[in-house]
Amino acid sequence: MNGRAIYCGHDHRTAQRRRADQLRLPTIIVNEVTDPEELARAQAQDERFGRNLAWSEVHRDEVFAMHRGTYVCVAGQEPFVADTASEAIALAKAAHPDDDGRFLYHVPKEKMARMYASRS
């Protein structure tokens, strides 16, 4: 033996590299945006999203009670409900083509208690 550890017929370092590759996190690239027009567009989109989110928070119980097991896309401060995500988005885009602040969520089929955890 040449002094290297052999594990299940494989070079131990190769096995370590495979494990490292499996744990590798995706690369994130951050670009600074300074163009005033692009910043204004992003701010306007964020404001539209904020209005849709606020509407959703106010009407959440009503939407969840009526639309269990469906997808809901909120645009123009109104819900668009469908059996698939793509259908809900298509309905929202058709009704509000200029609202790029829409968002989508799935309403669970059954009402259940949920637990959330956070590390501080």
N, C-alpha and C. Protein backbone atom coordinates (compact mmCIF):
# COMPACT_ATOMS: atom_id res chain seq x y z
N MET A 1 0.85 -1.18 0.00
CA MET A 1 0.00 0.00 0.00
C MET A 1 0.89 1.24 0.00
N ASN A 2 0.44 2.29 -0.65
CA ASN A 2 1.27 3.48 -0.82
C ASN A 2 1.02 4.57 0.22
N GLY A 3 0.41 4.26 1.32
CA GLY A 3 0.21 5.24 2.38
C GLY A 3 -1.12 5.99 2.28
N ARG A 4 -1.90 5.79 1.20
CA ARG A 4 -3.21 6.43 1.08
C ARG A 4 -4.28 5.51 1.66
N ALA A 5 -5.29 6.13 2.28
CA ALA A 5 -6.39 5.33 2.83
C ALA A 5 -7.29 4.86 1.70
N ILE A 6 -7.67 3.61 1.73
CA ILE A 6 -8.57 3.06 0.73
C ILE A 6 -9.89 2.76 1.44
N TYR A 7 -10.99 3.24 0.88
CA TYR A 7 -12.30 3.04 1.47
C TYR A 7 -13.19 2.40 0.43
N CYS A 8 -13.65 1.20 0.68
CA CYS A 8 -14.52 0.45 -0.23
C CYS A 8 -13.95 0.41 -1.64
N GLY A 9 -12.67 0.22 -1.76
CA GLY A 9 -12.06 0.10 -3.07
C GLY A 9 -11.83 1.43 -3.77
N HIS A 10 -12.09 2.55 -3.11
CA HIS A 10 -11.92 3.86 -3.70
C HIS A 10 -10.87 4.64 -2.93
N ASP A 11 -10.22 5.51 -3.61
CA ASP A 11 -9.29 6.43 -2.96
C ASP A 11 -10.11 7.30 -2.00
N HIS A 12 -9.72 7.39 -0.75
CA HIS A 12 -10.46 8.14 0.27
C HIS A 12 -10.65 9.61 -0.13
N ARG A 13 -9.63 10.20 -0.75
CA ARG A 13 -9.75 11.61 -1.15
C ARG A 13 -10.81 11.80 -2.24
N THR A 14 -10.97 10.82 -3.11
CA THR A 14 -12.00 10.90 -4.15
C THR A 14 -13.39 10.90 -3.50
N ALA A 15 -13.57 10.05 -2.51
CA ALA A 15 -14.86 10.00 -1.81
C ALA A 15 -15.13 11.33 -1.11
N GLN A 16 -14.10 11.94 -0.52
CA GLN A 16 -14.28 13.24 0.12
C GLN A 16 -14.67 14.30 -0.90
N ARG A 17 -14.05 14.27 -2.07
CA ARG A 17 -14.39 15.26 -3.11
C ARG A 17 -15.83 15.08 -3.57
N ARG A 18 -16.27 13.84 -3.70
CA ARG A 18 -17.66 13.60 -4.11
C ARG A 18 -18.63 14.18 -3.09
N ARG A 19 -18.34 13.95 -1.81
CA ARG A 19 -19.21 14.51 -0.76
C ARG A 19 -19.20 16.03 -0.80
N ALA A 20 -18.05 16.61 -1.02
CA ALA A 20 -17.95 18.07 -1.09
C ALA A 20 -18.75 18.60 -2.28
N ASP A 21 -18.70 17.89 -3.42
CA ASP A 21 -19.46 18.32 -4.60
C ASP A 21 -20.96 18.26 -4.32
N GLN A 22 -21.39 17.24 -3.59
CA GLN A 22 -22.81 17.12 -3.27
C GLN A 22 -23.28 18.23 -2.35
N LEU A 23 -22.40 18.74 -1.51
CA LEU A 23 -22.75 19.79 -0.56
C LEU A 23 -22.52 21.20 -1.11
N ARG A 24 -21.93 21.30 -2.29
CA ARG A 24 -21.57 22.60 -2.85
C ARG A 24 -22.82 23.46 -3.04
N LEU A 25 -22.74 24.68 -2.58
CA LEU A 25 -23.85 25.62 -2.70
C LEU A 25 -23.78 26.32 -4.05
N PRO A 26 -24.92 26.76 -4.54
CA PRO A 26 -24.91 27.47 -5.82
C PRO A 26 -24.14 28.79 -5.72
N THR A 27 -23.59 29.21 -6.84
CA THR A 27 -22.88 30.47 -6.90
C THR A 27 -23.89 31.60 -7.00
N ILE A 28 -23.68 32.63 -6.23
CA ILE A 28 -24.56 33.81 -6.26
C ILE A 28 -23.73 34.99 -6.75
N ILE A 29 -24.25 35.66 -7.76
CA ILE A 29 -23.57 36.82 -8.32
C ILE A 29 -24.41 38.05 -8.01
N VAL A 30 -23.81 39.05 -7.43
CA VAL A 30 -24.50 40.29 -7.07
C VAL A 30 -23.97 41.40 -7.96
N ASN A 31 -24.89 42.08 -8.62
CA ASN A 31 -24.52 43.22 -9.45
C ASN A 31 -25.13 44.49 -8.86
N GLU A 32 -24.35 45.53 -8.79
CA GLU A 32 -24.86 46.80 -8.31
C GLU A 32 -25.53 47.52 -9.47
N VAL A 33 -26.76 47.96 -9.25
CA VAL A 33 -27.51 48.68 -10.28
C VAL A 33 -27.51 50.15 -9.90
N THR A 34 -27.06 51.00 -10.83
CA THR A 34 -27.00 52.43 -10.56
C THR A 34 -27.81 53.25 -11.56
N ASP A 35 -28.33 52.61 -12.60
CA ASP A 35 -29.09 53.32 -13.62
C ASP A 35 -30.40 53.83 -13.01
N PRO A 36 -30.63 55.14 -12.99
CA PRO A 36 -31.84 55.70 -12.36
C PRO A 36 -33.15 55.16 -12.95
N GLU A 37 -33.19 54.94 -14.25
CA GLU A 37 -34.42 54.40 -14.86
C GLU A 37 -34.70 52.98 -14.40
N GLU A 38 -33.66 52.15 -14.35
CA GLU A 38 -33.83 50.77 -13.90
C GLU A 38 -34.21 50.73 -12.43
N LEU A 39 -33.61 51.61 -11.63
CA LEU A 39 -33.96 51.68 -10.21
C LEU A 39 -35.42 52.11 -10.02
N ALA A 40 -35.87 53.05 -10.82
CA ALA A 40 -37.26 53.51 -10.73
C ALA A 40 -38.23 52.39 -11.10
N ARG A 41 -37.89 51.62 -12.15
CA ARG A 41 -38.73 50.49 -12.55
C ARG A 41 -38.81 49.45 -11.42
N ALA A 42 -37.67 49.17 -10.81
CA ALA A 42 -37.63 48.19 -9.72
C ALA A 42 -38.45 48.67 -8.52
N GLN A 43 -38.35 49.96 -8.21
CA GLN A 43 -39.11 50.50 -7.09
C GLN A 43 -40.61 50.44 -7.37
N ALA A 44 -41.01 50.75 -8.60
CA ALA A 44 -42.43 50.69 -8.97
C ALA A 44 -42.95 49.25 -8.87
N GLN A 45 -42.14 48.29 -9.32
CA GLN A 45 -42.53 46.88 -9.23
C GLN A 45 -42.67 46.46 -7.77
N ASP A 46 -41.75 46.90 -6.93
CA ASP A 46 -41.80 46.58 -5.51
C ASP A 46 -43.05 47.17 -4.87
N GLU A 47 -43.44 48.37 -5.27
CA GLU A 47 -44.66 48.98 -4.74
C GLU A 47 -45.90 48.20 -5.16
N ARG A 48 -45.95 47.74 -6.42
CA ARG A 48 -47.07 46.92 -6.88
C ARG A 48 -47.13 45.61 -6.08
N PHE A 49 -45.97 45.00 -5.88
CA PHE A 49 -45.92 43.78 -5.09
C PHE A 49 -46.44 44.05 -3.67
N GLY A 50 -46.02 45.16 -3.08
CA GLY A 50 -46.46 45.52 -1.73
C GLY A 50 -47.97 45.67 -1.63
N ARG A 51 -48.57 46.30 -2.64
CA ARG A 51 -50.03 46.45 -2.64
C ARG A 51 -50.72 45.08 -2.74
N ASN A 52 -50.19 44.20 -3.62
CA ASN A 52 -50.78 42.87 -3.76
C ASN A 52 -50.61 42.05 -2.49
N LEU A 53 -49.46 42.17 -1.85
CA LEU A 53 -49.21 41.45 -0.61
C LEU A 53 -50.15 41.95 0.50
N ALA A 54 -50.31 43.27 0.60
CA ALA A 54 -51.20 43.84 1.61
C ALA A 54 -52.63 43.35 1.40
N TRP A 55 -53.07 43.32 0.14
CA TRP A 55 -54.42 42.82 -0.16
C TRP A 55 -54.54 41.37 0.29
N SER A 56 -53.53 40.58 -0.03
CA SER A 56 -53.55 39.15 0.30
C SER A 56 -53.61 38.93 1.81
N GLU A 57 -52.86 39.73 2.56
CA GLU A 57 -52.86 39.57 4.02
C GLU A 57 -54.23 39.89 4.62
N VAL A 58 -54.91 40.90 4.07
CA VAL A 58 -56.23 41.27 4.56
C VAL A 58 -57.26 40.20 4.22
N HIS A 59 -57.15 39.58 3.04
CA HIS A 59 -58.16 38.62 2.56
C HIS A 59 -57.74 37.16 2.68
N ARG A 60 -56.64 36.90 3.38
CA ARG A 60 -56.08 35.55 3.45
C ARG A 60 -57.09 34.51 3.93
N ASP A 61 -57.75 34.75 5.04
CA ASP A 61 -58.68 33.77 5.60
C ASP A 61 -59.82 33.46 4.63
N GLU A 62 -60.35 34.49 4.02
CA GLU A 62 -61.44 34.33 3.05
C GLU A 62 -60.98 33.50 1.85
N VAL A 63 -59.81 33.82 1.30
CA VAL A 63 -59.29 33.10 0.14
C VAL A 63 -58.98 31.65 0.50
N PHE A 64 -58.35 31.43 1.65
CA PHE A 64 -58.02 30.06 2.06
C PHE A 64 -59.28 29.23 2.27
N ALA A 65 -60.32 29.82 2.86
CA ALA A 65 -61.56 29.08 3.12
C ALA A 65 -62.26 28.66 1.83
N MET A 66 -62.19 29.51 0.83
CA MET A 66 -62.93 29.25 -0.42
C MET A 66 -62.15 28.46 -1.46
N HIS A 67 -60.83 28.42 -1.36
CA HIS A 67 -60.04 27.88 -2.47
C HIS A 67 -59.01 26.84 -2.03
N ARG A 68 -59.40 25.94 -1.17
CA ARG A 68 -58.49 24.89 -0.71
C ARG A 68 -58.00 24.03 -1.88
N GLY A 69 -56.70 23.73 -1.88
CA GLY A 69 -56.12 22.84 -2.90
C GLY A 69 -55.87 23.50 -4.24
N THR A 70 -55.89 24.82 -4.29
CA THR A 70 -55.68 25.51 -5.56
C THR A 70 -54.47 26.44 -5.48
N TYR A 71 -54.15 27.03 -6.61
CA TYR A 71 -53.11 28.05 -6.69
C TYR A 71 -53.78 29.39 -6.82
N VAL A 72 -53.24 30.38 -6.13
CA VAL A 72 -53.79 31.73 -6.17
C VAL A 72 -52.68 32.68 -6.59
N CYS A 73 -52.94 33.44 -7.64
CA CYS A 73 -52.02 34.47 -8.08
C CYS A 73 -52.71 35.81 -7.82
N VAL A 74 -52.06 36.68 -7.07
CA VAL A 74 -52.65 37.98 -6.75
C VAL A 74 -52.01 39.03 -7.65
N ALA A 75 -52.87 39.75 -8.37
CA ALA A 75 -52.43 40.85 -9.24
C ALA A 75 -53.53 41.89 -9.25
N GLY A 76 -53.16 43.16 -9.28
CA GLY A 76 -54.16 44.21 -9.27
C GLY A 76 -55.04 44.14 -8.03
N GLN A 77 -54.48 43.67 -6.93
CA GLN A 77 -55.18 43.51 -5.67
C GLN A 77 -56.44 42.66 -5.79
N GLU A 78 -56.35 41.60 -6.63
CA GLU A 78 -57.43 40.62 -6.70
C GLU A 78 -56.86 39.24 -6.98
N PRO A 79 -57.58 38.19 -6.49
CA PRO A 79 -57.06 36.83 -6.65
C PRO A 79 -57.47 36.20 -7.98
N PHE A 80 -56.57 35.39 -8.52
CA PHE A 80 -56.86 34.60 -9.71
C PHE A 80 -56.56 33.16 -9.33
N VAL A 81 -57.61 32.35 -9.33
CA VAL A 81 -57.54 31.01 -8.78
C VAL A 81 -57.60 29.97 -9.89
N ALA A 82 -56.74 28.95 -9.79
CA ALA A 82 -56.74 27.87 -10.79
C ALA A 82 -56.16 26.61 -10.16
N ASP A 83 -56.30 25.51 -10.88
CA ASP A 83 -55.78 24.22 -10.39
C ASP A 83 -54.28 24.10 -10.54
N THR A 84 -53.69 24.87 -11.44
CA THR A 84 -52.23 24.82 -11.62
C THR A 84 -51.65 26.23 -11.49
N ALA A 85 -50.38 26.28 -11.17
CA ALA A 85 -49.69 27.56 -11.03
C ALA A 85 -49.71 28.33 -12.35
N SER A 86 -49.42 27.62 -13.46
CA SER A 86 -49.38 28.32 -14.76
C SER A 86 -50.72 28.91 -15.15
N GLU A 87 -51.79 28.20 -14.83
CA GLU A 87 -53.13 28.72 -15.16
C GLU A 87 -53.44 29.97 -14.33
N ALA A 88 -53.11 29.95 -13.06
CA ALA A 88 -53.38 31.11 -12.20
C ALA A 88 -52.59 32.32 -12.67
N ILE A 89 -51.33 32.11 -13.03
CA ILE A 89 -50.50 33.21 -13.53
C ILE A 89 -51.06 33.74 -14.85
N ALA A 90 -51.47 32.83 -15.74
CA ALA A 90 -52.03 33.26 -17.03
C ALA A 90 -53.29 34.11 -16.84
N LEU A 91 -54.16 33.72 -15.91
CA LEU A 91 -55.36 34.50 -15.63
C LEU A 91 -55.00 35.90 -15.12
N ALA A 92 -54.04 35.95 -14.22
CA ALA A 92 -53.61 37.23 -13.65
C ALA A 92 -52.99 38.12 -14.72
N LYS A 93 -52.15 37.55 -15.56
CA LYS A 93 -51.51 38.33 -16.63
C LYS A 93 -52.53 38.85 -17.63
N ALA A 94 -53.54 38.04 -17.93
CA ALA A 94 -54.57 38.46 -18.89
C ALA A 94 -55.37 39.64 -18.34
N ALA A 95 -55.66 39.61 -17.06
CA ALA A 95 -56.46 40.68 -16.46
C ALA A 95 -55.64 41.92 -16.14
N HIS A 96 -54.38 41.72 -15.77
CA HIS A 96 -53.52 42.84 -15.37
C HIS A 96 -52.13 42.68 -16.01
N PRO A 97 -52.05 42.87 -17.32
CA PRO A 97 -50.77 42.64 -18.01
C PRO A 97 -49.63 43.55 -17.55
N ASP A 98 -49.96 44.70 -17.00
CA ASP A 98 -48.91 45.64 -16.56
C ASP A 98 -48.50 45.46 -15.11
N ASP A 99 -49.17 44.55 -14.39
CA ASP A 99 -48.83 44.34 -12.98
C ASP A 99 -47.75 43.26 -12.88
N ASP A 100 -46.50 43.71 -12.79
CA ASP A 100 -45.38 42.78 -12.63
C ASP A 100 -45.04 42.58 -11.16
N GLY A 101 -45.94 43.01 -10.27
CA GLY A 101 -45.76 42.80 -8.84
C GLY A 101 -46.66 41.70 -8.32
N ARG A 102 -47.13 40.87 -9.21
CA ARG A 102 -48.00 39.77 -8.81
C ARG A 102 -47.19 38.71 -8.06
N PHE A 103 -47.89 37.89 -7.31
CA PHE A 103 -47.22 36.77 -6.67
C PHE A 103 -48.18 35.60 -6.57
N LEU A 104 -47.62 34.43 -6.36
CA LEU A 104 -48.36 33.18 -6.42
C LEU A 104 -48.17 32.40 -5.13
N TYR A 105 -49.22 31.75 -4.69
CA TYR A 105 -49.07 30.82 -3.57
C TYR A 105 -50.06 29.67 -3.74
N HIS A 106 -49.78 28.58 -3.05
CA HIS A 106 -50.63 27.41 -3.08
C HIS A 106 -51.39 27.34 -1.76
N VAL A 107 -52.70 27.13 -1.85
CA VAL A 107 -53.52 26.98 -0.66
C VAL A 107 -53.58 25.49 -0.35
N PRO A 108 -53.09 25.08 0.83
CA PRO A 108 -53.11 23.65 1.17
C PRO A 108 -54.52 23.08 1.10
N LYS A 109 -54.62 21.82 0.71
CA LYS A 109 -55.93 21.16 0.57
C LYS A 109 -56.64 21.06 1.92
N GLU A 110 -55.87 20.76 2.96
CA GLU A 110 -56.47 20.61 4.28
C GLU A 110 -55.93 21.66 5.23
N LYS A 111 -56.81 22.10 6.09
CA LYS A 111 -56.39 23.06 7.11
C LYS A 111 -55.61 22.30 8.17
N MET A 112 -54.43 22.81 8.52
CA MET A 112 -53.62 22.13 9.53
C MET A 112 -52.77 23.14 10.27
N ALA A 113 -52.35 22.73 11.43
CA ALA A 113 -51.46 23.58 12.22
C ALA A 113 -50.09 23.56 11.58
N ARG A 114 -49.43 24.68 11.56
CA ARG A 114 -48.09 24.78 10.99
C ARG A 114 -47.15 25.32 12.05
N MET A 115 -45.95 24.80 12.05
CA MET A 115 -44.94 25.28 12.99
C MET A 115 -43.82 25.92 12.20
N TYR A 116 -43.37 27.05 12.66
CA TYR A 116 -42.27 27.76 12.01
C TYR A 116 -41.16 27.93 13.03
N ALA A 117 -39.94 27.78 12.56
CA ALA A 117 -38.80 27.94 13.45
C ALA A 117 -37.85 28.97 12.86
N SER A 118 -37.13 29.61 13.75
CA SER A 118 -36.17 30.61 13.31
C SER A 118 -34.96 30.55 14.22
N ARG A 119 -33.80 30.68 13.61
CA ARG A 119 -32.59 30.78 14.39
C ARG A 119 -32.21 32.25 14.51
N SER A 120 -31.99 32.68 15.71
CA SER A 120 -31.62 34.08 15.90
C SER A 120 -30.14 34.24 16.10
